[in-house]
PDB file of N, CA and C in Angstrom:
ATOM      1  N   MET A   1     -14.802 -35.960  18.862  1.00  0.00           N
ATOM      2  CA  MET A   1     -13.707 -36.557  19.602  1.00  0.00           C
ATOM      3  C   MET A   1     -14.201 -36.863  21.014  1.00  0.00           C
ATOM      4  N   GLU A   2     -14.009 -38.077  21.435  1.00  0.00           N
ATOM      5  CA  GLU A   2     -14.439 -38.485  22.768  1.00  0.00           C
ATOM      6  C   GLU A   2     -13.400 -38.053  23.795  1.00  0.00           C
ATOM      7  N   SER A   3     -13.826 -37.927  25.046  1.00  0.00           N
ATOM      8  CA  SER A   3     -12.890 -37.506  26.087  1.00  0.00           C
ATOM      9  C   SER A   3     -11.856 -38.595  26.327  1.00  0.00           C
ATOM     10  N   GLY A   4     -10.600 -38.197  26.429  1.00  0.00           N
ATOM     11  CA  GLY A   4      -9.531 -39.140  26.693  1.00  0.00           C
ATOM     12  C   GLY A   4      -8.904 -39.717  25.441  1.00  0.00           C
ATOM     13  N   SER A   5      -9.480 -39.539  24.268  1.00  0.00           N
ATOM     14  CA  SER A   5      -8.887 -40.089  23.049  1.00  0.00           C
ATOM     15  C   SER A   5      -8.070 -39.022  22.334  1.00  0.00           C
ATOM     16  N   ARG A   6      -7.172 -39.477  21.503  1.00  0.00           N
ATOM     17  CA  ARG A   6      -6.303 -38.570  20.762  1.00  0.00           C
ATOM     18  C   ARG A   6      -6.983 -38.099  19.488  1.00  0.00           C
ATOM     19  N   PRO A   7      -6.661 -36.878  19.013  1.00  0.00           N
ATOM     20  CA  PRO A   7      -7.251 -36.398  17.760  1.00  0.00           C
ATOM     21  C   PRO A   7      -6.747 -37.214  16.573  1.00  0.00           C
ATOM     22  N   SER A   8      -7.585 -37.369  15.576  1.00  0.00           N
ATOM     23  CA  SER A   8      -7.204 -38.141  14.390  1.00  0.00           C
ATOM     24  C   SER A   8      -6.244 -37.325  13.527  1.00  0.00           C
ATOM     25  N   LEU A   9      -5.620 -37.985  12.578  1.00  0.00           N
ATOM     26  CA  LEU A   9      -4.682 -37.339  11.676  1.00  0.00           C
ATOM     27  C   LEU A   9      -5.392 -36.255  10.859  1.00  0.00           C
ATOM     28  N   GLY A  10      -6.601 -36.526  10.430  1.00  0.00           N
ATOM     29  CA  GLY A  10      -7.375 -35.540   9.665  1.00  0.00           C
ATOM     30  C   GLY A  10      -7.639 -34.284  10.464  1.00  0.00           C
ATOM     31  N   GLN A  11      -7.953 -34.453  11.753  1.00  0.00           N
ATOM     32  CA  GLN A  11      -8.205 -33.288  12.599  1.00  0.00           C
ATOM     33  C   GLN A  11      -6.937 -32.466  12.794  1.00  0.00           C
ATOM     34  N   VAL A  12      -5.820 -33.110  12.938  1.00  0.00           N
ATOM     35  CA  VAL A  12      -4.543 -32.409  13.100  1.00  0.00           C
ATOM     36  C   VAL A  12      -4.200 -31.636  11.823  1.00  0.00           C
ATOM     37  N   ILE A  13      -4.419 -32.263  10.670  1.00  0.00           N
ATOM     38  CA  ILE A  13      -4.147 -31.603   9.396  1.00  0.00           C
ATOM     39  C   ILE A  13      -5.064 -30.386   9.219  1.00  0.00           C
ATOM     40  N   LEU A  14      -6.354 -30.560   9.536  1.00  0.00           N
ATOM     41  CA  LEU A  14      -7.294 -29.445   9.428  1.00  0.00           C
ATOM     42  C   LEU A  14      -6.920 -28.302  10.372  1.00  0.00           C
ATOM     43  N   LEU A  15      -6.508 -28.619  11.573  1.00  0.00           N
ATOM     44  CA  LEU A  15      -6.103 -27.600  12.533  1.00  0.00           C
ATOM     45  C   LEU A  15      -4.864 -26.851  12.039  1.00  0.00           C
ATOM     46  N   GLY A  16      -3.901 -27.585  11.513  1.00  0.00           N
ATOM     47  CA  GLY A  16      -2.682 -26.971  10.987  1.00  0.00           C
ATOM     48  C   GLY A  16      -2.969 -26.076   9.796  1.00  0.00           C
ATOM     49  N   THR A  17      -3.798 -26.555   8.883  1.00  0.00           N
ATOM     50  CA  THR A  17      -4.160 -25.769   7.707  1.00  0.00           C
ATOM     51  C   THR A  17      -4.916 -24.512   8.107  1.00  0.00           C
ATOM     52  N   SER A  18      -5.840 -24.658   9.012  1.00  0.00           N
ATOM     53  CA  SER A  18      -6.614 -23.512   9.491  1.00  0.00           C
ATOM     54  C   SER A  18      -5.704 -22.478  10.157  1.00  0.00           C
ATOM     55  N   SER A  19      -4.742 -22.950  10.926  1.00  0.00           N
ATOM     56  CA  SER A  19      -3.806 -22.040  11.589  1.00  0.00           C
ATOM     57  C   SER A  19      -2.943 -21.296  10.577  1.00  0.00           C
ATOM     58  N   MET A  20      -2.488 -21.995   9.543  1.00  0.00           N
ATOM     59  CA  MET A  20      -1.667 -21.340   8.519  1.00  0.00           C
ATOM     60  C   MET A  20      -2.465 -20.295   7.752  1.00  0.00           C
ATOM     61  N   VAL A  21      -3.696 -20.606   7.376  1.00  0.00           N
ATOM     62  CA  VAL A  21      -4.530 -19.650   6.658  1.00  0.00           C
ATOM     63  C   VAL A  21      -4.793 -18.427   7.531  1.00  0.00           C
ATOM     64  N   THR A  22      -5.063 -18.648   8.800  1.00  0.00           N
ATOM     65  CA  THR A  22      -5.290 -17.542   9.723  1.00  0.00           C
ATOM     66  C   THR A  22      -4.049 -16.662   9.834  1.00  0.00           C
ATOM     67  N   ALA A  23      -2.867 -17.278   9.933  1.00  0.00           N
ATOM     68  CA  ALA A  23      -1.621 -16.522  10.045  1.00  0.00           C
ATOM     69  C   ALA A  23      -1.354 -15.698   8.788  1.00  0.00           C
ATOM     70  N   VAL A  24      -1.606 -16.277   7.623  1.00  0.00           N
ATOM     71  CA  VAL A  24      -1.385 -15.556   6.364  1.00  0.00           C
ATOM     72  C   VAL A  24      -2.351 -14.372   6.253  1.00  0.00           C
ATOM     73  N   LEU A  25      -3.616 -14.600   6.549  1.00  0.00           N
ATOM     74  CA  LEU A  25      -4.600 -13.525   6.466  1.00  0.00           C
ATOM     75  C   LEU A  25      -4.308 -12.416   7.479  1.00  0.00           C
ATOM     76  N   TYR A  26      -3.866 -12.779   8.668  1.00  0.00           N
ATOM     77  CA  TYR A  26      -3.523 -11.772   9.672  1.00  0.00           C
ATOM     78  C   TYR A  26      -2.302 -10.965   9.234  1.00  0.00           C
ATOM     79  N   SER A  27      -1.336 -11.626   8.607  1.00  0.00           N
ATOM     80  CA  SER A  27      -0.153 -10.940   8.108  1.00  0.00           C
ATOM     81  C   SER A  27      -0.533  -9.930   7.023  1.00  0.00           C
ATOM     82  N   ILE A  28      -1.408 -10.318   6.123  1.00  0.00           N
ATOM     83  CA  ILE A  28      -1.873  -9.410   5.072  1.00  0.00           C
ATOM     84  C   ILE A  28      -2.613  -8.233   5.697  1.00  0.00           C
ATOM     85  N   TYR A  29      -3.457  -8.516   6.676  1.00  0.00           N
ATOM     86  CA  TYR A  29      -4.202  -7.456   7.368  1.00  0.00           C
ATOM     87  C   TYR A  29      -3.248  -6.448   8.007  1.00  0.00           C
ATOM     88  N   ARG A  30      -2.212  -6.938   8.690  1.00  0.00           N
ATOM     89  CA  ARG A  30      -1.268  -6.034   9.355  1.00  0.00           C
ATOM     90  C   ARG A  30      -0.527  -5.166   8.354  1.00  0.00           C
ATOM     91  N   GLN A  31      -0.133  -5.748   7.193  1.00  0.00           N
ATOM     92  CA  GLN A  31       0.556  -4.966   6.168  1.00  0.00           C
ATOM     93  C   GLN A  31      -0.351  -3.857   5.639  1.00  0.00           C
ATOM     94  N   LYS A  32      -1.604  -4.196   5.347  1.00  0.00           N
ATOM     95  CA  LYS A  32      -2.543  -3.205   4.815  1.00  0.00           C
ATOM     96  C   LYS A  32      -2.861  -2.132   5.856  1.00  0.00           C
ATOM     97  N   ALA A  33      -2.972  -2.522   7.120  1.00  0.00           N
ATOM     98  CA  ALA A  33      -3.236  -1.549   8.183  1.00  0.00           C
ATOM     99  C   ALA A  33      -2.061  -0.596   8.341  1.00  0.00           C
ATOM    100  N   GLN A  34      -0.843  -1.106   8.191  1.00  0.00           N
ATOM    101  CA  GLN A  34       0.348  -0.260   8.302  1.00  0.00           C
ATOM    102  C   GLN A  34       0.393   0.756   7.158  1.00  0.00           C
ATOM    103  N   VAL A  35       0.086   0.314   5.942  1.00  0.00           N
ATOM    104  CA  VAL A  35       0.074   1.223   4.797  1.00  0.00           C
ATOM    105  C   VAL A  35      -1.008   2.285   4.981  1.00  0.00           C
ATOM    106  N   ALA A  36      -2.177   1.883   5.462  1.00  0.00           N
ATOM    107  CA  ALA A  36      -3.261   2.842   5.704  1.00  0.00           C
ATOM    108  C   ALA A  36      -2.843   3.881   6.742  1.00  0.00           C
ATOM    109  N   GLN A  37      -2.145   3.452   7.768  1.00  0.00           N
ATOM    110  CA  GLN A  37      -1.675   4.385   8.811  1.00  0.00           C
ATOM    111  C   GLN A  37      -0.658   5.360   8.232  1.00  0.00           C
ATOM    112  N   GLU A  38       0.241   4.871   7.370  1.00  0.00           N
ATOM    113  CA  GLU A  38       1.235   5.741   6.750  1.00  0.00           C
ATOM    114  C   GLU A  38       0.568   6.742   5.816  1.00  0.00           C
ATOM    115  N   LEU A  39      -0.493   6.323   5.125  1.00  0.00           N
ATOM    116  CA  LEU A  39      -1.194   7.226   4.218  1.00  0.00           C
ATOM    117  C   LEU A  39      -1.914   8.337   4.982  1.00  0.00           C
ATOM    118  N   LYS A  40      -2.371   8.038   6.198  1.00  0.00           N
ATOM    119  CA  LYS A  40      -3.030   9.065   7.001  1.00  0.00           C
ATOM    120  C   LYS A  40      -2.065  10.191   7.350  1.00  0.00           C
ATOM    121  N   GLY A  41      -0.797   9.855   7.505  1.00  0.00           N
ATOM    122  CA  GLY A  41       0.211  10.856   7.854  1.00  0.00           C
ATOM    123  C   GLY A  41       0.968  11.383   6.650  1.00  0.00           C
ATOM    124  N   ALA A  42       0.392  11.250   5.448  1.00  0.00           N
ATOM    125  CA  ALA A  42       1.074  11.698   4.231  1.00  0.00           C
ATOM    126  C   ALA A  42       1.277  13.209   4.250  1.00  0.00           C
ATOM    127  N   LYS A  43       2.426  13.624   3.767  1.00  0.00           N
ATOM    128  CA  LYS A  43       2.780  15.030   3.715  1.00  0.00           C
ATOM    129  C   LYS A  43       1.982  15.710   2.599  1.00  0.00           C
ATOM    130  N   LYS A  44       1.393  16.894   2.873  1.00  0.00           N
ATOM    131  CA  LYS A  44       0.628  17.635   1.875  1.00  0.00           C
ATOM    132  C   LYS A  44       1.520  18.693   1.241  1.00  0.00           C
ATOM    133  N   ILE A  45       1.626  18.628  -0.080  1.00  0.00           N
ATOM    134  CA  ILE A  45       2.489  19.531  -0.828  1.00  0.00           C
ATOM    135  C   ILE A  45       1.646  20.213  -1.899  1.00  0.00           C
ATOM    136  N   HIS A  46       1.833  21.523  -2.065  1.00  0.00           N
ATOM    137  CA  HIS A  46       1.124  22.249  -3.112  1.00  0.00           C
ATOM    138  C   HIS A  46       1.960  22.233  -4.387  1.00  0.00           C
ATOM    139  N   LEU A  47       1.305  22.092  -5.503  1.00  0.00           N
ATOM    140  CA  LEU A  47       1.949  22.038  -6.808  1.00  0.00           C
ATOM    141  C   LEU A  47       2.577  23.393  -7.112  1.00  0.00           C
ATOM    142  N   GLY A  48       3.827  23.389  -7.538  1.00  0.00           N
ATOM    143  CA  GLY A  48       4.511  24.640  -7.871  1.00  0.00           C
ATOM    144  C   GLY A  48       5.994  24.507  -7.593  1.00  0.00           C
ATOM    145  N   GLU A  49       6.631  25.641  -7.408  1.00  0.00           N
ATOM    146  CA  GLU A  49       8.073  25.655  -7.147  1.00  0.00           C
ATOM    147  C   GLU A  49       8.410  24.985  -5.816  1.00  0.00           C
ATOM    148  N   ASP A  50       7.480  25.013  -4.889  1.00  0.00           N
ATOM    149  CA  ASP A  50       7.661  24.359  -3.593  1.00  0.00           C
ATOM    150  C   ASP A  50       7.977  22.872  -3.757  1.00  0.00           C
ATOM    151  N   LEU A  51       7.340  22.245  -4.707  1.00  0.00           N
ATOM    152  CA  LEU A  51       7.492  20.812  -4.935  1.00  0.00           C
ATOM    153  C   LEU A  51       8.927  20.464  -5.317  1.00  0.00           C
ATOM    154  N   LYS A  52       9.518  21.258  -6.209  1.00  0.00           N
ATOM    155  CA  LYS A  52      10.902  20.994  -6.630  1.00  0.00           C
ATOM    156  C   LYS A  52      11.868  21.121  -5.459  1.00  0.00           C
ATOM    157  N   ALA A  53      11.661  22.126  -4.629  1.00  0.00           N
ATOM    158  CA  ALA A  53      12.557  22.338  -3.485  1.00  0.00           C
ATOM    159  C   ALA A  53      12.427  21.202  -2.475  1.00  0.00           C
ATOM    160  N   ILE A  54      11.203  20.767  -2.228  1.00  0.00           N
ATOM    161  CA  ILE A  54      10.980  19.679  -1.265  1.00  0.00           C
ATOM    162  C   ILE A  54      11.597  18.384  -1.766  1.00  0.00           C
ATOM    163  N   LEU A  55      11.431  18.089  -3.054  1.00  0.00           N
ATOM    164  CA  LEU A  55      12.004  16.861  -3.610  1.00  0.00           C
ATOM    165  C   LEU A  55      13.525  16.899  -3.629  1.00  0.00           C
ATOM    166  N   SER A  56      14.122  18.050  -3.911  1.00  0.00           N
ATOM    167  CA  SER A  56      15.587  18.128  -3.944  1.00  0.00           C
ATOM    168  C   SER A  56      16.188  17.980  -2.543  1.00  0.00           C
ATOM    169  N   GLU A  57      15.430  18.372  -1.488  1.00  0.00           N
ATOM    170  CA  GLU A  57      15.924  18.252  -0.119  1.00  0.00           C
ATOM    171  C   GLU A  57      15.673  16.872   0.480  1.00  0.00           C
ATOM    172  N   ALA A  58      14.716  16.130  -0.073  1.00  0.00           N
ATOM    173  CA  ALA A  58      14.355  14.823   0.480  1.00  0.00           C
ATOM    174  C   ALA A  58      15.463  13.809   0.222  1.00  0.00           C
ATOM    175  N   PRO A  59      15.666  12.874   1.156  1.00  0.00           N
ATOM    176  CA  PRO A  59      16.686  11.841   0.942  1.00  0.00           C
ATOM    177  C   PRO A  59      16.314  10.972  -0.259  1.00  0.00           C
ATOM    178  N   GLY A  60      17.242  10.844  -1.184  1.00  0.00           N
ATOM    179  CA  GLY A  60      16.992  10.068  -2.390  1.00  0.00           C
ATOM    180  C   GLY A  60      16.071  10.773  -3.362  1.00  0.00           C
ATOM    181  N   LYS A  61      15.802  12.051  -3.112  1.00  0.00           N
ATOM    182  CA  LYS A  61      14.893  12.866  -3.929  1.00  0.00           C
ATOM    183  C   LYS A  61      13.550  12.175  -4.119  1.00  0.00           C
ATOM    184  N   CYS A  62      13.059  11.605  -3.028  1.00  0.00           N
ATOM    185  CA  CYS A  62      11.805  10.856  -3.060  1.00  0.00           C
ATOM    186  C   CYS A  62      11.077  11.047  -1.736  1.00  0.00           C
ATOM    187  N   VAL A  63       9.761  11.303  -1.801  1.00  0.00           N
ATOM    188  CA  VAL A  63       8.917  11.395  -0.612  1.00  0.00           C
ATOM    189  C   VAL A  63       8.061  10.138  -0.607  1.00  0.00           C
ATOM    190  N   PRO A  64       8.172   9.285   0.445  1.00  0.00           N
ATOM    191  CA  PRO A  64       7.465   7.993   0.430  1.00  0.00           C
ATOM    192  C   PRO A  64       5.968   8.109   0.178  1.00  0.00           C
ATOM    193  N   TYR A  65       5.278   8.942   0.929  1.00  0.00           N
ATOM    194  CA  TYR A  65       3.851   9.146   0.739  1.00  0.00           C
ATOM    195  C   TYR A  65       3.594  10.639   0.793  1.00  0.00           C
ATOM    196  N   ALA A  66       2.922  11.153  -0.233  1.00  0.00           N
ATOM    197  CA  ALA A  66       2.632  12.583  -0.267  1.00  0.00           C
ATOM    198  C   ALA A  66       1.325  12.825  -1.004  1.00  0.00           C
ATOM    199  N   VAL A  67       0.651  13.891  -0.611  1.00  0.00           N
ATOM    200  CA  VAL A  67      -0.551  14.342  -1.299  1.00  0.00           C
ATOM    201  C   VAL A  67      -0.164  15.629  -2.014  1.00  0.00           C
ATOM    202  N   ILE A  68      -0.248  15.622  -3.339  1.00  0.00           N
ATOM    203  CA  ILE A  68       0.112  16.801  -4.119  1.00  0.00           C
ATOM    204  C   ILE A  68      -1.180  17.473  -4.550  1.00  0.00           C
ATOM    205  N   GLU A  69      -1.355  18.728  -4.110  1.00  0.00           N
ATOM    206  CA  GLU A  69      -2.568  19.471  -4.397  1.00  0.00           C
ATOM    207  C   GLU A  69      -2.248  20.612  -5.343  1.00  0.00           C
ATOM    208  N   GLY A  70      -3.188  20.903  -6.229  1.00  0.00           N
ATOM    209  CA  GLY A  70      -3.024  22.035  -7.127  1.00  0.00           C
ATOM    210  C   GLY A  70      -3.813  21.844  -8.396  1.00  0.00           C
ATOM    211  N   ALA A  71      -3.849  22.883  -9.197  1.00  0.00           N
ATOM    212  CA  ALA A  71      -4.573  22.837 -10.465  1.00  0.00           C
ATOM    213  C   ALA A  71      -3.638  22.336 -11.565  1.00  0.00           C
ATOM    214  N   VAL A  72      -4.180  21.538 -12.460  1.00  0.00           N
ATOM    215  CA  VAL A  72      -3.401  21.018 -13.588  1.00  0.00           C
ATOM    216  C   VAL A  72      -3.939  21.624 -14.878  1.00  0.00           C
ATOM    217  N   ARG A  73      -3.102  21.654 -15.892  1.00  0.00           N
ATOM    218  CA  ARG A  73      -3.513  22.121 -17.218  1.00  0.00           C
ATOM    219  C   ARG A  73      -3.429  20.947 -18.178  1.00  0.00           C
ATOM    220  N   SER A  74      -4.330  20.916 -19.117  1.00  0.00           N
ATOM    221  CA  SER A  74      -4.312  19.824 -20.090  1.00  0.00           C
ATOM    222  C   SER A  74      -3.284  20.117 -21.172  1.00  0.00           C
ATOM    223  N   VAL A  75      -2.657  19.076 -21.694  1.00  0.00           N
ATOM    224  CA  VAL A  75      -1.675  19.229 -22.757  1.00  0.00           C
ATOM    225  C   VAL A  75      -2.392  19.508 -24.076  1.00  0.00           C
ATOM    226  N   LYS A  76      -3.448  18.733 -24.350  1.00  0.00           N
ATOM    227  CA  LYS A  76      -4.183  18.910 -25.608  1.00  0.00           C
ATOM    228  C   LYS A  76      -5.560  19.488 -25.323  1.00  0.00           C
ATOM    229  N   GLU A  77      -6.505  18.662 -24.962  1.00  0.00           N
ATOM    230  CA  GLU A  77      -7.861  19.138 -24.698  1.00  0.00           C
ATOM    231  C   GLU A  77      -8.401  18.459 -23.451  1.00  0.00           C
ATOM    232  N   THR A  78      -9.305  19.140 -22.784  1.00  0.00           N
ATOM    233  CA  THR A  78      -9.883  18.553 -21.578  1.00  0.00           C
ATOM    234  C   THR A  78     -10.981  17.568 -21.965  1.00  0.00           C
ATOM    235  N   LEU A  79     -11.241  16.639 -21.064  1.00  0.00           N
ATOM    236  CA  LEU A  79     -12.289  15.650 -21.275  1.00  0.00           C
ATOM    237  C   LEU A  79     -13.555  16.112 -20.579  1.00  0.00           C
ATOM    238  N   ASN A  80     -14.695  15.953 -21.236  1.00  0.00           N
ATOM    239  CA  ASN A  80     -15.978  16.300 -20.644  1.00  0.00           C
ATOM    240  C   ASN A  80     -16.627  15.040 -20.091  1.00  0.00           C
ATOM    241  N   SER A  81     -17.155  15.127 -18.879  1.00  0.00           N
ATOM    242  CA  SER A  81     -17.834  13.990 -18.261  1.00  0.00           C
ATOM    243  C   SER A  81     -19.155  13.733 -18.960  1.00  0.00           C
ATOM    244  N   GLN A  82     -19.458  12.470 -19.204  1.00  0.00           N
ATOM    245  CA  GLN A  82     -20.744  12.128 -19.812  1.00  0.00           C
ATOM    246  C   GLN A  82     -21.831  11.945 -18.758  1.00  0.00           C
ATOM    247  N   PHE A  83     -21.441  11.944 -17.479  1.00  0.00           N
ATOM    248  CA  PHE A  83     -22.391  11.722 -16.398  1.00  0.00           C
ATOM    249  C   PHE A  83     -22.698  12.981 -15.589  1.00  0.00           C
ATOM    250  N   VAL A  84     -21.705  13.865 -15.434  1.00  0.00           N
ATOM    251  CA  VAL A  84     -21.872  15.076 -14.629  1.00  0.00           C
ATOM    252  C   VAL A  84     -21.726  16.287 -15.544  1.00  0.00           C
ATOM    253  N   GLU A  85     -22.723  17.141 -15.537  1.00  0.00           N
ATOM    254  CA  GLU A  85     -22.706  18.314 -16.399  1.00  0.00           C
ATOM    255  C   GLU A  85     -21.655  19.313 -15.906  1.00  0.00           C
ATOM    256  N   ASN A  86     -20.968  19.955 -16.838  1.00  0.00           N
ATOM    257  CA  ASN A  86     -19.928  20.953 -16.561  1.00  0.00           C
ATOM    258  C   ASN A  86     -18.777  20.396 -15.726  1.00  0.00           C
ATOM    259  N   CYS A  87     -18.478  19.127 -15.868  1.00  0.00           N
ATOM    260  CA  CYS A  87     -17.348  18.506 -15.160  1.00  0.00           C
ATOM    261  C   CYS A  87     -16.300  18.128 -16.203  1.00  0.00           C
ATOM    262  N   LYS A  88     -15.082  18.642 -16.019  1.00  0.00           N
ATOM    263  CA  LYS A  88     -14.011  18.386 -16.976  1.00  0.00           C
ATOM    264  C   LYS A  88     -12.823  17.773 -16.253  1.00  0.00           C
ATOM    265  N   GLY A  89     -11.983  17.089 -17.002  1.00  0.00           N
ATOM    266  CA  GLY A  89     -10.822  16.451 -16.398  1.00  0.00           C
ATOM    267  C   GLY A  89      -9.711  16.229 -17.397  1.00  0.00           C
ATOM    268  N   VAL A  90      -8.593  15.747 -16.905  1.00  0.00           N
ATOM    269  CA  VAL A  90      -7.441  15.423 -17.749  1.00  0.00           C
ATOM    270  C   VAL A  90      -7.009  13.996 -17.447  1.00  0.00           C
ATOM    271  N   ILE A  91      -6.229  13.427 -18.337  1.00  0.00           N
ATOM    272  CA  ILE A  91      -5.715  12.066 -18.150  1.00  0.00           C
ATOM    273  C   ILE A  91      -4.296  12.163 -17.617  1.00  0.00           C
ATOM    274  N   GLN A  92      -4.033  11.410 -16.580  1.00  0.00           N
ATOM    275  CA  GLN A  92      -2.686  11.357 -16.032  1.00  0.00           C
ATOM    276  C   GLN A  92      -1.868  10.440 -16.927  1.00  0.00           C
ATOM    277  N   ARG A  93      -0.741  10.928 -17.407  1.00  0.00           N
ATOM    278  CA  ARG A  93       0.035  10.165 -18.374  1.00  0.00           C
ATOM    279  C   ARG A  93       1.077   9.245 -17.742  1.00  0.00           C
ATOM    280  N   LEU A  94       1.641   9.633 -16.626  1.00  0.00           N
ATOM    281  CA  LEU A  94       2.746   8.865 -16.057  1.00  0.00           C
ATOM    282  C   LEU A  94       2.491   8.588 -14.584  1.00  0.00           C
ATOM    283  N   THR A  95       2.603   7.348 -14.212  1.00  0.00           N
ATOM    284  CA  THR A  95       2.502   6.965 -12.808  1.00  0.00           C
ATOM    285  C   THR A  95       3.721   6.119 -12.471  1.00  0.00           C
ATOM    286  N   LEU A  96       4.460   6.540 -11.483  1.00  0.00           N
ATOM    287  CA  LEU A  96       5.633   5.789 -11.038  1.00  0.00           C
ATOM    288  C   LEU A  96       5.315   5.176  -9.690  1.00  0.00           C
ATOM    289  N   GLN A  97       5.425   3.863  -9.608  1.00  0.00           N
ATOM    290  CA  GLN A  97       5.137   3.185  -8.357  1.00  0.00           C
ATOM    291  C   GLN A  97       6.204   2.123  -8.140  1.00  0.00           C
ATOM    292  N   GLU A  98       6.902   2.237  -7.026  1.00  0.00           N
ATOM    293  CA  GLU A  98       7.953   1.284  -6.705  1.00  0.00           C
ATOM    294  C   GLU A  98       7.399   0.180  -5.814  1.00  0.00           C
ATOM    295  N   HIS A  99       7.831  -1.031  -6.073  1.00  0.00           N
ATOM    296  CA  HIS A  99       7.458  -2.167  -5.241  1.00  0.00           C
ATOM    297  C   HIS A  99       8.747  -2.847  -4.806  1.00  0.00           C
ATOM    298  N   LYS A 100       8.923  -2.962  -3.511  1.00  0.00           N
ATOM    299  CA  LYS A 100      10.129  -3.598  -2.995  1.00  0.00           C
ATOM    300  C   LYS A 100       9.716  -4.817  -2.193  1.00  0.00           C
ATOM    301  N   MET A 101      10.318  -5.933  -2.504  1.00  0.00           N
ATOM    302  CA  MET A 101      10.029  -7.171  -1.790  1.00  0.00           C
ATOM    303  C   MET A 101      11.339  -7.696  -1.186  1.00  0.00           C
ATOM    304  N   VAL A 102      11.244  -8.275  -0.003  1.00  0.00           N
ATOM    305  CA  VAL A 102      12.405  -8.805   0.698  1.00  0.00           C
ATOM    306  C   VAL A 102      12.121 -10.252   1.067  1.00  0.00           C
ATOM    307  N   TRP A 103      13.136 -11.100   0.935  1.00  0.00           N
ATOM    308  CA  TRP A 103      12.995 -12.513   1.276  1.00  0.00           C
ATOM    309  C   TRP A 103      13.027 -12.666   2.795  1.00  0.00           C
ATOM    310  N   ASN A 104      11.992 -13.265   3.360  1.00  0.00           N
ATOM    311  CA  ASN A 104      11.912 -13.499   4.798  1.00  0.00           C
ATOM    312  C   ASN A 104      12.454 -14.898   5.073  1.00  0.00           C
ATOM    313  N   ARG A 105      13.558 -14.980   5.795  1.00  0.00           N
ATOM    314  CA  ARG A 105      14.199 -16.279   6.048  1.00  0.00           C
ATOM    315  C   ARG A 105      13.382 -17.159   6.988  1.00  0.00           C
ATOM    316  N   THR A 106      12.576 -16.540   7.826  1.00  0.00           N
ATOM    317  CA  THR A 106      11.784 -17.314   8.784  1.00  0.00           C
ATOM    318  C   THR A 106      10.625 -18.020   8.106  1.00  0.00           C
ATOM    319  N   THR A 107       9.844 -17.253   7.313  1.00  0.00           N
ATOM    320  CA  THR A 107       8.657 -17.840   6.681  1.00  0.00           C
ATOM    321  C   THR A 107       8.931 -18.376   5.287  1.00  0.00           C
ATOM    322  N   HIS A 108      10.112 -18.083   4.748  1.00  0.00           N
ATOM    323  CA  HIS A 108      10.484 -18.479   3.388  1.00  0.00           C
ATOM    324  C   HIS A 108       9.500 -17.928   2.367  1.00  0.00           C
ATOM    325  N   LEU A 109       9.121 -16.648   2.544  1.00  0.00           N
ATOM    326  CA  LEU A 109       8.210 -15.967   1.634  1.00  0.00           C
ATOM    327  C   LEU A 109       8.771 -14.594   1.286  1.00  0.00           C
ATOM    328  N   TRP A 110       8.377 -14.070   0.135  1.00  0.00           N
ATOM    329  CA  TRP A 110       8.711 -12.704  -0.225  1.00  0.00           C
ATOM    330  C   TRP A 110       7.678 -11.794   0.424  1.00  0.00           C
ATOM    331  N   CYS A 111       8.119 -10.703   1.058  1.00  0.00           N
ATOM    332  CA  CYS A 111       7.186  -9.813   1.735  1.00  0.00           C
ATOM    333  C   CYS A 111       7.647  -8.360   1.573  1.00  0.00           C
ATOM    334  N   VAL A 112       6.737  -7.435   1.869  1.00  0.00           N
ATOM    335  CA  VAL A 112       7.027  -6.010   1.799  1.00  0.00           C
ATOM    336  C   VAL A 112       7.784  -5.628   3.069  1.00  0.00           C
ATOM    337  N   PRO A 113       8.921  -4.930   2.929  1.00  0.00           N
ATOM    338  CA  PRO A 113       9.681  -4.571   4.135  1.00  0.00           C
ATOM    339  C   PRO A 113       8.933  -3.557   4.983  1.00  0.00           C
ATOM    340  N   SER A 114       9.164  -3.606   6.268  1.00  0.00           N
ATOM    341  CA  SER A 114       8.499  -2.673   7.188  1.00  0.00           C
ATOM    342  C   SER A 114       9.482  -1.587   7.610  1.00  0.00           C
ATOM    343  N   SER A 115      10.144  -0.950   6.625  1.00  0.00           N
ATOM    344  CA  SER A 115      11.153   0.052   6.932  1.00  0.00           C
ATOM    345  C   SER A 115      10.553   1.406   7.310  1.00  0.00           C
ATOM    346  N   PHE A 116       9.253   1.617   7.036  1.00  0.00           N
ATOM    347  CA  PHE A 116       8.642   2.908   7.333  1.00  0.00           C
ATOM    348  C   PHE A 116       7.947   2.926   8.677  1.00  0.00           C
ATOM    349  N   SER A 117       7.956   1.824   9.410  1.00  0.00           N
ATOM    350  CA  SER A 117       7.234   1.793  10.665  1.00  0.00           C
ATOM    351  C   SER A 117       7.955   2.599  11.727  1.00  0.00           C
ATOM    352  N   ALA A 118       7.186   3.155  12.641  1.00  0.00           N
ATOM    353  CA  ALA A 118       7.743   3.995  13.698  1.00  0.00           C
ATOM    354  C   ALA A 118       8.186   3.178  14.905  1.00  0.00           C
ATOM    355  N   SER A 119       7.830   1.931  14.971  1.00  0.00           N
ATOM    356  CA  SER A 119       8.178   1.120  16.143  1.00  0.00           C
ATOM    357  C   SER A 119       9.540   0.497  16.022  1.00  0.00           C
TER     358      SER A 119
END
């Protein structure tokens, strides 16, 4: 582009597209950084009777992020590792994971709500 001349239509389109891609990637980065920060502050709970009491006292009987520590027992038989000697494990049978999406009127996109943020 020469000095004093206006940018071409192609340059304007490229600038707009580049700006949108940057905004989307930055938005994804911020969401992932927020989740990582929340995971750092996850509540540590030991497996046992303590767990039932904590869940019954929690609002909605749900803890958003928690680390549950303790020994597990296998229902049938334990699995032996084929790579590490004397290493045994069990298969987790049930995983419950909630995903909540909210319509953003400004961007006209579905996004994860930021209800857990401290700000």
